[in-house]
C-alpha atoms as a PDB file:
ATOM      1  CA  MET A   1      13.203 -26.412  30.602  1.00  0.00           C
ATOM      2  CA  ARG A   2       9.996 -24.475  30.116  1.00  0.00           C
ATOM      3  CA  ILE A   3      11.656 -21.178  30.279  1.00  0.00           C
ATOM      4  CA  THR A   4      14.062 -22.360  27.716  1.00  0.00           C
ATOM      5  CA  ARG A   5      11.587 -23.297  25.280  1.00  0.00           C
ATOM      6  CA  VAL A   6       9.750 -20.040  26.147  1.00  0.00           C
ATOM      7  CA  LEU A   7      12.946 -18.148  25.294  1.00  0.00           C
ATOM      8  CA  SER A   8      13.597 -20.257  22.328  1.00  0.00           C
ATOM      9  CA  ALA A   9      10.327 -19.113  20.823  1.00  0.00           C
ATOM     10  CA  THR A  10      10.769 -15.656  21.385  1.00  0.00           C
ATOM     11  CA  ALA A  11      14.034 -15.761  19.634  1.00  0.00           C
ATOM     12  CA  LEU A  12      12.727 -17.572  16.700  1.00  0.00           C
ATOM     13  CA  MET A  13       9.792 -15.068  16.458  1.00  0.00           C
ATOM     14  CA  PHE A  14      12.031 -11.898  16.883  1.00  0.00           C
ATOM     15  CA  GLY A  15      14.264 -13.331  13.927  1.00  0.00           C
ATOM     16  CA  LEU A  16      11.463 -14.093  11.590  1.00  0.00           C
ATOM     17  CA  ALA A  17       9.721 -10.237  12.261  1.00  0.00           C
ATOM     18  CA  VAL A  18      13.391  -8.667  12.062  1.00  0.00           C
ATOM     19  CA  ALA A  19      14.124 -10.216   8.456  1.00  0.00           C
ATOM     20  CA  PRO A  20      11.736  -8.337   6.703  1.00  0.00           C
ATOM     21  CA  ALA A  21      12.303  -5.088   8.410  1.00  0.00           C
ATOM     22  CA  VAL A  22      15.926  -5.044   7.492  1.00  0.00           C
ATOM     23  CA  ALA A  23      14.934  -5.708   3.961  1.00  0.00           C
ATOM     24  CA  ASP A  24      12.552  -2.783   4.007  1.00  0.00           C
ATOM     25  CA  SER A  25      15.375  -0.465   5.116  1.00  0.00           C
ATOM     26  CA  SER A  26      17.768  -1.480   2.544  1.00  0.00           C
ATOM     27  CA  PRO A  27      18.465   1.252  -0.143  1.00  0.00           C
ATOM     28  CA  SER A  28      16.151   1.227  -3.099  1.00  0.00           C
ATOM     29  CA  PRO A  29      17.625  -0.695  -6.475  1.00  0.00           C
ATOM     30  CA  SER A  30      18.588   1.556  -8.846  1.00  0.00           C
ATOM     31  CA  ALA A  31      16.514   1.405 -11.981  1.00  0.00           C
ATOM     32  CA  SER A  32      18.189  -0.060 -15.261  1.00  0.00           C
ATOM     33  CA  GLN A  33      16.851   2.561 -17.820  1.00  0.00           C
ATOM     34  CA  ASP A  34      20.062   4.664 -18.617  1.00  0.00           C
ATOM     35  CA  GLY A  35      19.628   3.608 -22.315  1.00  0.00           C
ATOM     36  CA  ASP A  36      16.532   5.414 -22.221  1.00  0.00           C
ATOM     37  CA  ALA A  37      17.819   8.254 -20.064  1.00  0.00           C
ATOM     38  CA  PRO A  38      17.163  11.884 -21.405  1.00  0.00           C
ATOM     39  CA  THR A  39      20.016  13.737 -23.208  1.00  0.00           C
ATOM     40  CA  GLN A  40      18.752  17.256 -22.848  1.00  0.00           C
ATOM     41  CA  ALA A  41      17.775  19.535 -19.767  1.00  0.00           C
ATOM     42  CA  GLY A  42      14.805  21.976 -19.514  1.00  0.00           C
ATOM     43  CA  THR A  43      15.507  25.956 -19.219  1.00  0.00           C
ATOM     44  CA  SER A  44      12.410  26.647 -16.499  1.00  0.00           C
ATOM     45  CA  PHE A  45      10.214  24.957 -13.899  1.00  0.00           C
ATOM     46  CA  ARG A  46       7.536  24.316 -16.813  1.00  0.00           C
ATOM     47  CA  THR A  47       9.783  22.885 -19.368  1.00  0.00           C
ATOM     48  CA  ALA A  48      12.082  20.656 -16.729  1.00  0.00           C
ATOM     49  CA  THR A  49      13.117  17.210 -18.163  1.00  0.00           C
ATOM     50  CA  GLU A  50      11.350  14.321 -16.602  1.00  0.00           C
ATOM     51  CA  ILE A  51      13.771  11.673 -15.045  1.00  0.00           C
ATOM     52  CA  GLU A  52      13.105   8.416 -13.062  1.00  0.00           C
ATOM     53  CA  GLN A  53      15.239   7.849 -10.003  1.00  0.00           C
ATOM     54  CA  GLY A  54      18.127   5.605 -11.170  1.00  0.00           C
ATOM     55  CA  GLN A  55      18.638   7.384 -14.359  1.00  0.00           C
ATOM     56  CA  THR A  56      21.660   9.226 -15.198  1.00  0.00           C
ATOM     57  CA  ALA A  57      20.551  12.076 -17.416  1.00  0.00           C
ATOM     58  CA  THR A  58      22.823  14.185 -19.648  1.00  0.00           C
ATOM     59  CA  ALA A  59      22.901  17.436 -21.247  1.00  0.00           C
ATOM     60  CA  GLY A  60      25.011  19.845 -23.412  1.00  0.00           C
ATOM     61  CA  ALA A  61      24.893  23.534 -22.464  1.00  0.00           C
ATOM     62  CA  SER A  62      26.666  26.967 -22.152  1.00  0.00           C
ATOM     63  CA  THR A  63      28.390  28.166 -19.014  1.00  0.00           C
ATOM     64  CA  GLY A  64      25.473  30.700 -17.543  1.00  0.00           C
ATOM     65  CA  ASP A  65      22.447  28.473 -18.593  1.00  0.00           C
ATOM     66  CA  TYR A  66      19.792  27.369 -16.031  1.00  0.00           C
ATOM     67  CA  LEU A  67      19.337  23.361 -16.240  1.00  0.00           C
ATOM     68  CA  TYR A  68      16.275  21.965 -14.954  1.00  0.00           C
ATOM     69  CA  TRP A  69      14.951  18.220 -14.419  1.00  0.00           C
ATOM     70  CA  SER A  70      11.983  16.781 -12.365  1.00  0.00           C
ATOM     71  CA  PHE A  71      11.536  13.466 -10.766  1.00  0.00           C
ATOM     72  CA  PRO A  72       9.199  11.873  -8.444  1.00  0.00           C
ATOM     73  CA  ALA A  73       9.533  10.949  -4.728  1.00  0.00           C
ATOM     74  CA  ASP A  74       7.315   9.277  -2.544  1.00  0.00           C
ATOM     75  CA  ALA A  75       6.662   9.132   1.313  1.00  0.00           C
ATOM     76  CA  GLY A  76       9.414   7.416   3.162  1.00  0.00           C
ATOM     77  CA  GLN A  77      12.268   8.130   0.772  1.00  0.00           C
ATOM     78  CA  ARG A  78      15.474  10.328   1.293  1.00  0.00           C
ATOM     79  CA  PRO A  79      16.524  11.292  -2.212  1.00  0.00           C
ATOM     80  CA  THR A  80      20.107  11.927  -2.815  1.00  0.00           C
ATOM     81  CA  VAL A  81      20.777  14.164  -5.874  1.00  0.00           C
ATOM     82  CA  LYS A  82      24.110  13.944  -7.690  1.00  0.00           C
ATOM     83  CA  ALA A  83      25.201  16.127 -10.572  1.00  0.00           C
ATOM     84  CA  THR A  84      28.809  16.499 -12.271  1.00  0.00           C
ATOM     85  CA  VAL A  85      29.591  19.068 -14.765  1.00  0.00           C
ATOM     86  CA  LYS A  86      32.442  18.546 -17.294  1.00  0.00           C
ATOM     87  CA  LEU A  87      34.172  21.925 -17.630  1.00  0.00           C
ATOM     88  CA  PRO A  88      36.126  23.273 -21.030  1.00  0.00           C
ATOM     89  CA  ASP A  89      39.839  22.635 -21.253  1.00  0.00           C
ATOM     90  CA  THR A  90      40.577  26.416 -20.270  1.00  0.00           C
ATOM     91  CA  HIS A  91      38.395  28.353 -17.971  1.00  0.00           C
ATOM     92  CA  ALA A  92      38.953  30.680 -14.829  1.00  0.00           C
ATOM     93  CA  ALA A  93      37.782  29.785 -11.384  1.00  0.00           C
ATOM     94  CA  GLU A  94      33.941  29.064 -11.160  1.00  0.00           C
ATOM     95  CA  SER A  95      31.257  28.098  -8.518  1.00  0.00           C
ATOM     96  CA  TRP A  96      28.340  25.999  -9.321  1.00  0.00           C
ATOM     97  CA  GLN A  97      25.259  25.226  -7.342  1.00  0.00           C
ATOM     98  CA  ILE A  98      22.551  22.831  -7.269  1.00  0.00           C
ATOM     99  CA  ASP A  99      18.970  23.405  -5.728  1.00  0.00           C
ATOM    100  CA  VAL A 100      16.131  21.179  -5.379  1.00  0.00           C
ATOM    101  CA  TYR A 101      12.337  22.319  -5.381  1.00  0.00           C
ATOM    102  CA  ASP A 102       9.231  20.549  -4.445  1.00  0.00           C
ATOM    103  CA  GLY A 103       5.935  20.349  -6.264  1.00  0.00           C
ATOM    104  CA  LEU A 104       4.812  23.952  -4.614  1.00  0.00           C
ATOM    105  CA  ARG A 105       8.541  25.136  -5.839  1.00  0.00           C
ATOM    106  CA  ARG A 106       9.620  25.620  -2.231  1.00  0.00           C
ATOM    107  CA  ARG A 107      13.352  25.471  -2.205  1.00  0.00           C
ATOM    108  CA  GLN A 108      14.407  22.408  -0.046  1.00  0.00           C
ATOM    109  CA  ALA A 109      17.228  22.491   2.295  1.00  0.00           C
ATOM    110  CA  CYS A 110      19.978  19.769   1.731  1.00  0.00           C
ATOM    111  CA  GLN A 111      20.512  17.632   4.992  1.00  0.00           C
ATOM    112  CA  TYR A 112      24.181  17.436   3.930  1.00  0.00           C
ATOM    113  CA  GLY A 113      26.247  17.011   1.024  1.00  0.00           C
ATOM    114  CA  ALA A 114      28.289  19.798  -1.225  1.00  0.00           C
ATOM    115  CA  GLN A 115      25.509  21.593  -2.644  1.00  0.00           C
ATOM    116  CA  THR A 116      27.665  24.365  -3.771  1.00  0.00           C
ATOM    117  CA  ARG A 117      31.352  23.839  -5.030  1.00  0.00           C
ATOM    118  CA  THR A 118      34.130  25.950  -6.512  1.00  0.00           C
ATOM    119  CA  ALA A 119      36.154  24.320  -9.465  1.00  0.00           C
ATOM    120  CA  ALA A 120      39.728  25.752  -9.676  1.00  0.00           C
ATOM    121  CA  ALA A 121      40.796  27.155 -12.887  1.00  0.00           C
ATOM    122  CA  GLY A 122      41.484  24.733 -15.515  1.00  0.00           C
ATOM    123  CA  ALA A 123      39.742  21.901 -13.440  1.00  0.00           C
ATOM    124  CA  ALA A 124      38.175  19.054 -15.427  1.00  0.00           C
ATOM    125  CA  SER A 125      34.936  18.749 -13.770  1.00  0.00           C
ATOM    126  CA  VAL A 126      33.090  19.464 -10.475  1.00  0.00           C
ATOM    127  CA  GLU A 127      30.692  17.293  -8.528  1.00  0.00           C
ATOM    128  CA  LEU A 128      27.759  18.705  -6.569  1.00  0.00           C
ATOM    129  CA  THR A 129      25.727  16.373  -3.955  1.00  0.00           C
ATOM    130  CA  CYS A 130      22.350  17.059  -2.340  1.00  0.00           C
ATOM    131  CA  VAL A 131      20.849  14.605   0.235  1.00  0.00           C
ATOM    132  CA  LEU A 132      17.021  15.831   1.115  1.00  0.00           C
ATOM    133  CA  ARG A 133      15.438  15.090   4.256  1.00  0.00           C
ATOM    134  CA  THR A 134      13.052  12.225   4.204  1.00  0.00           C
ATOM    135  CA  VAL A 135       9.824  12.727   2.350  1.00  0.00           C
ATOM    136  CA  ARG A 136       7.032  12.860   4.843  1.00  0.00           C
ATOM    137  CA  ALA A 137       3.398  11.567   4.091  1.00  0.00           C
ATOM    138  CA  TRP A 138       1.745  14.587   5.706  1.00  0.00           C
ATOM    139  CA  SER A 139       2.894  17.671   7.474  1.00  0.00           C
ATOM    140  CA  GLU A 140       1.384  21.024   8.660  1.00  0.00           C
ATOM    141  CA  GLN A 141       0.681  23.892   6.242  1.00  0.00           C
ATOM    142  CA  TRP A 142       3.316  26.179   7.846  1.00  0.00           C
ATOM    143  CA  ALA A 143       5.656  23.614   7.584  1.00  0.00           C
ATOM    144  CA  ASN A 144       8.596  23.342   5.051  1.00  0.00           C
ATOM    145  CA  ASP A 145       8.669  19.488   5.149  1.00  0.00           C
ATOM    146  CA  PRO A 146       9.545  17.371   2.077  1.00  0.00           C
ATOM    147  CA  LEU A 147       6.027  15.917   0.601  1.00  0.00           C
ATOM    148  CA  PRO A 148       5.277  13.279  -1.680  1.00  0.00           C
ATOM    149  CA  GLY A 149       5.203  14.629  -5.366  1.00  0.00           C
ATOM    150  CA  THR A 150       7.143  16.107  -8.293  1.00  0.00           C
ATOM    151  CA  TYR A 151      10.813  17.510  -7.314  1.00  0.00           C
ATOM    152  CA  TYR A 152      12.787  19.884  -9.298  1.00  0.00           C
ATOM    153  CA  ILE A 153      16.501  19.916  -9.934  1.00  0.00           C
ATOM    154  CA  ARG A 154      18.289  23.394 -11.082  1.00  0.00           C
ATOM    155  CA  LEU A 155      21.819  23.370 -12.181  1.00  0.00           C
ATOM    156  CA  THR A 156      23.744  26.785 -12.741  1.00  0.00           C
ATOM    157  CA  VAL A 157      26.813  28.348 -12.133  1.00  0.00           C
ATOM    158  CA  VAL A 158      26.705  31.005  -9.550  1.00  0.00           C
ATOM    159  CA  ASP A 159      30.052  32.875  -9.829  1.00  0.00           C
ATOM    160  CA  VAL A 160      31.808  33.099 -12.969  1.00  0.00           C
ATOM    161  CA  PRO A 161      33.869  35.785 -14.674  1.00  0.00           C
ATOM    162  CA  THR A 162      32.133  37.548 -17.881  1.00  0.00           C
ATOM    163  CA  SER A 163      34.890  36.058 -20.243  1.00  0.00           C
ATOM    164  CA  ASP A 164      33.837  32.460 -19.139  1.00  0.00           C
ATOM    165  CA  LEU A 165      30.096  32.969 -20.316  1.00  0.00           C
ATOM    166  CA  GLY A 166      28.712  31.150 -23.059  1.00  0.00           C
ATOM    167  CA  LEU A 167      31.846  28.419 -22.935  1.00  0.00           C
ATOM    168  CA  PRO A 168      30.384  24.703 -23.621  1.00  0.00           C
ATOM    169  CA  VAL A 169      29.886  22.498 -20.659  1.00  0.00           C
ATOM    170  CA  ASP A 170      28.426  18.702 -20.302  1.00  0.00           C
ATOM    171  CA  ALA A 171      26.271  17.969 -17.267  1.00  0.00           C
ATOM    172  CA  SER A 172      24.972  14.820 -15.742  1.00  0.00           C
ATOM    173  CA  VAL A 173      22.203  14.371 -12.860  1.00  0.00           C
ATOM    174  CA  ARG A 174      21.126  11.303 -11.088  1.00  0.00           C
ATOM    175  CA  VAL A 175      18.739  10.687  -8.340  1.00  0.00           C
ATOM    176  CA  ASP A 176      18.816   7.783  -5.792  1.00  0.00           C
ATOM    177  CA  SER A 177      16.786   7.341  -2.794  1.00  0.00           C
ATOM    178  CA  LYS A 178      16.946   5.226   0.371  1.00  0.00           C
ATOM    179  CA  ASP A 179      13.867   3.797   2.094  1.00  0.00           C
ATOM    180  CA  ILE A 180      13.984   4.903   5.415  1.00  0.00           C
ATOM    181  CA  GLY A 181      10.679   2.772   6.777  1.00  0.00           C
ATOM    182  CA  GLY A 182       8.801   3.170  10.010  1.00  0.00           C
ATOM    183  CA  SER A 183      11.004   5.719  11.631  1.00  0.00           C
ATOM    184  CA  ALA A 184       9.644   8.249   9.226  1.00  0.00           C
ATOM    185  CA  ALA A 185       6.217   7.236   9.587  1.00  0.00           C
ATOM    186  CA  VAL A 186       3.485   9.603  10.809  1.00  0.00           C
ATOM    187  CA  ASP A 187      -0.162   9.587  11.233  1.00  0.00           C
ATOM    188  CA  GLY A 188      -1.758  11.231   8.128  1.00  0.00           C
ATOM    189  CA  SER A 189      -1.333  11.343   4.217  1.00  0.00           C
ATOM    190  CA  LEU A 190      -2.022  13.830   1.398  1.00  0.00           C
ATOM    191  CA  ALA A 191      -5.167  13.610  -0.624  1.00  0.00           C
ATOM    192  CA  GLU A 192      -2.968  13.849  -3.553  1.00  0.00           C
ATOM    193  CA  PRO A 193       0.851  14.124  -4.344  1.00  0.00           C
ATOM    194  CA  LEU A 194       2.172  17.682  -5.056  1.00  0.00           C
ATOM    195  CA  VAL A 195       2.320  17.406  -8.763  1.00  0.00           C
ATOM    196  CA  PRO A 196       1.699  20.776 -10.321  1.00  0.00           C
ATOM    197  CA  GLY A 197      -0.818  21.172 -13.104  1.00  0.00           C
ATOM    198  CA  VAL A 198      -1.482  23.814 -15.584  1.00  0.00           C
ATOM    199  CA  ALA A 199      -3.804  26.644 -14.318  1.00  0.00           C
ATOM    200  CA  VAL A 200      -4.781  27.758 -17.574  1.00  0.00           C
ATOM    201  CA  LYS A 201      -6.191  25.456 -20.493  1.00  0.00           C
ATOM    202  CA  SER A 202      -6.814  26.198 -24.174  1.00  0.00           C
ATOM    203  CA  PRO A 203     -10.182  26.599 -25.686  1.00  0.00           C
ATOM    204  CA  GLU A 204      -9.488  23.261 -27.559  1.00  0.00           C
ATOM    205  CA  ASP A 205      -8.528  21.431 -23.930  1.00  0.00           C
ATOM    206  CA  GLU A 206     -12.063  22.786 -22.663  1.00  0.00           C
ATOM    207  CA  GLU A 207     -14.090  21.438 -25.362  1.00  0.00           C
ATOM    208  CA  SER A 208     -12.464  18.010 -25.363  1.00  0.00           C
ATOM    209  CA  SER A 209     -11.898  17.367 -21.862  1.00  0.00           C
ATOM    210  CA  SER A 210     -12.822  18.851 -18.447  1.00  0.00           C
ATOM    211  CA  ALA A 211      -9.717  17.277 -16.902  1.00  0.00           C
ATOM    212  CA  SER A 212      -6.650  19.442 -15.988  1.00  0.00           C
ATOM    213  CA  ALA A 213      -3.500  19.258 -18.041  1.00  0.00           C
ATOM    214  CA  VAL A 214      -0.527  17.761 -15.633  1.00  0.00           C
ATOM    215  CA  LEU A 215       2.860  19.333 -16.068  1.00  0.00           C
ATOM    216  CA  SER A 216       4.418  16.287 -14.716  1.00  0.00           C
ATOM    217  CA  SER A 217       3.353  12.737 -16.003  1.00  0.00           C
ATOM    218  CA  ILE A 218       6.023  10.719 -14.137  1.00  0.00           C
ATOM    219  CA  GLU A 219       5.526   8.667 -11.006  1.00  0.00           C
ATOM    220  CA  PRO A 220       7.093   6.081  -8.796  1.00  0.00           C
ATOM    221  CA  GLU A 221       7.297   2.868 -10.282  1.00  0.00           C
ATOM    222  CA  ASP A 222       4.718   1.259  -7.918  1.00  0.00           C
ATOM    223  CA  GLY A 223       2.447   4.273  -7.841  1.00  0.00           C
ATOM    224  CA  TRP A 224       2.241   7.152  -5.559  1.00  0.00           C
ATOM    225  CA  ALA A 225       1.766   6.441  -1.596  1.00  0.00           C
ATOM    226  CA  SER A 226       3.399   2.952  -2.337  1.00  0.00           C
ATOM    227  CA  GLY A 227       5.178   3.095   0.845  1.00  0.00           C
ATOM    228  CA  TRP A 228       2.313   2.463   3.028  1.00  0.00           C
ATOM    229  CA  TRP A 229       3.636  -0.542   4.405  1.00  0.00           C
ATOM    230  CA  SER A 230       6.852  -0.078   6.571  1.00  0.00           C
ATOM    231  CA  ASP A 231       8.663  -1.607   9.332  1.00  0.00           C
ATOM    232  CA  ARG A 232       6.829   0.262  11.754  1.00  0.00           C
ATOM    233  CA  TRP A 233       4.158  -2.455  11.272  1.00  0.00           C
ATOM    234  CA  VAL A 234       6.713  -4.743  11.963  1.00  0.00           C
ATOM    235  CA  TRP A 235       7.966  -3.666  15.277  1.00  0.00           C
ATOM    236  CA  THR A 236       4.720  -2.977  16.735  1.00  0.00           C
ATOM    237  CA  ALA A 237       4.016  -6.953  15.898  1.00  0.00           C
ATOM    238  CA  ILE A 238       7.219  -8.031  17.745  1.00  0.00           C
ATOM    239  CA  GLY A 239       6.465  -5.392  20.723  1.00  0.00           C
ATOM    240  CA  GLY A 240       2.754  -7.469  20.934  1.00  0.00           C
ATOM    241  CA  ALA A 241       4.495 -10.753  20.644  1.00  0.00           C
ATOM    242  CA  LEU A 242       7.341 -10.153  23.308  1.00  0.00           C
ATOM    243  CA  ALA A 243       4.782  -8.691  25.735  1.00  0.00           C
ATOM    244  CA  ALA A 244       2.874 -11.906  25.385  1.00  0.00           C
ATOM    245  CA  LEU A 245       5.638 -14.173  25.717  1.00  0.00           C
ATOM    246  CA  ALA A 246       6.987 -11.973  28.880  1.00  0.00           C
ATOM    247  CA  GLY A 247       3.593 -12.721  30.370  1.00  0.00           C
ATOM    248  CA  VAL A 248       3.857 -16.624  29.661  1.00  0.00           C
ATOM    249  CA  GLY A 249       7.391 -16.578  30.984  1.00  0.00           C
ATOM    250  CA  GLY A 250       6.584 -14.900  34.028  1.00  0.00           C
ATOM    251  CA  TYR A 251       3.560 -17.164  34.882  1.00  0.00           C
ATOM    252  CA  ALA A 252       5.956 -20.155  34.258  1.00  0.00           C
ATOM    253  CA  LEU A 253       8.377 -18.741  36.752  1.00  0.00           C
ATOM    254  CA  THR A 254       6.032 -17.661  39.519  1.00  0.00           C
ATOM    255  CA  ARG A 255       3.051 -20.474  39.446  1.00  0.00           C
ATOM    256  CA  GLY A 256       5.652 -23.087  40.963  1.00  0.00           C
ATOM    257  CA  SER A 257       5.722 -27.205  40.068  1.00  0.00           C
ATOM    258  CA  GLY A 258       2.041 -27.226  40.828  1.00  0.00           C
ATOM    259  CA  ARG A 259       2.323 -30.106  43.379  1.00  0.00           C
ATOM    260  CA  PRO A 260       1.423 -29.426  47.166  1.00  0.00           C
ATOM    261  CA  ARG A 261       4.388 -28.894  49.525  1.00  0.00           C
ATOM    262  CA  GLN A 262       4.760 -31.927  51.613  1.00  0.00           C
ATOM    263  CA  VAL A 263       4.442 -31.456  55.631  1.00  0.00           C
ATOM    264  CA  PRO A 264       7.490 -33.192  57.426  1.00  0.00           C
ATOM    265  CA  PRO A 265       6.279 -36.036  59.423  1.00  0.00           C
ATOM    266  CA  GLY A 266       5.527 -35.259  63.365  1.00  0.00           C
ATOM    267  CA  ALA A 267       5.311 -31.414  61.983  1.00  0.00           C
END
């Protein structure tokens, strides 16, 4: 009976601890801000249009243009970048590509997804996807791991006949992230997120303020490093609780009934 109570307590504690861990590992809710979503794109890293995760940004352009957007990504997130290009009614076969760069303008490899896709002649649209690796809170200087900060999206056509250059297209991009949780946690963090700033300030800026201008003013909804809490803490607590309960259960099994063993008469 005592063992049954110990096991029941263990199951109860395990269930209570797993609940927040499961909730933490679920995908991030999408922001309902499409009404304020940008309707244009930048033409370089410096003029990239800022978008929030969960927004669907749109832009009209010409075939051959380079389109740039930027978005924030924090530690523990695995961003998925999706782009759709609506093509003109008449066009030849052409290939489109989406690239993602971090705040240091290092190109980040896609973990999976159709980063480059060829649209057949006359196709109405082409869809591209890039799922990045999980953003780490800290990394070695020689590594190319994704780190918290600003990320840039570049969308352009990479293979197109000269006759199709300049034809009008409509592009849309969207970024969503999945919170990976404690499985991606590392022992370390950046002092500041990789948000690029302006290297040279105008004389007016130097006279008015000593603070550096920042190219990207957008940040996660809860601020940077908002993912310091993860299910890694939960599973550590679970391990400690199970170890303690296992000790209690082992003691209950081995200590006996506590009453002295009776010696048969005449022994």
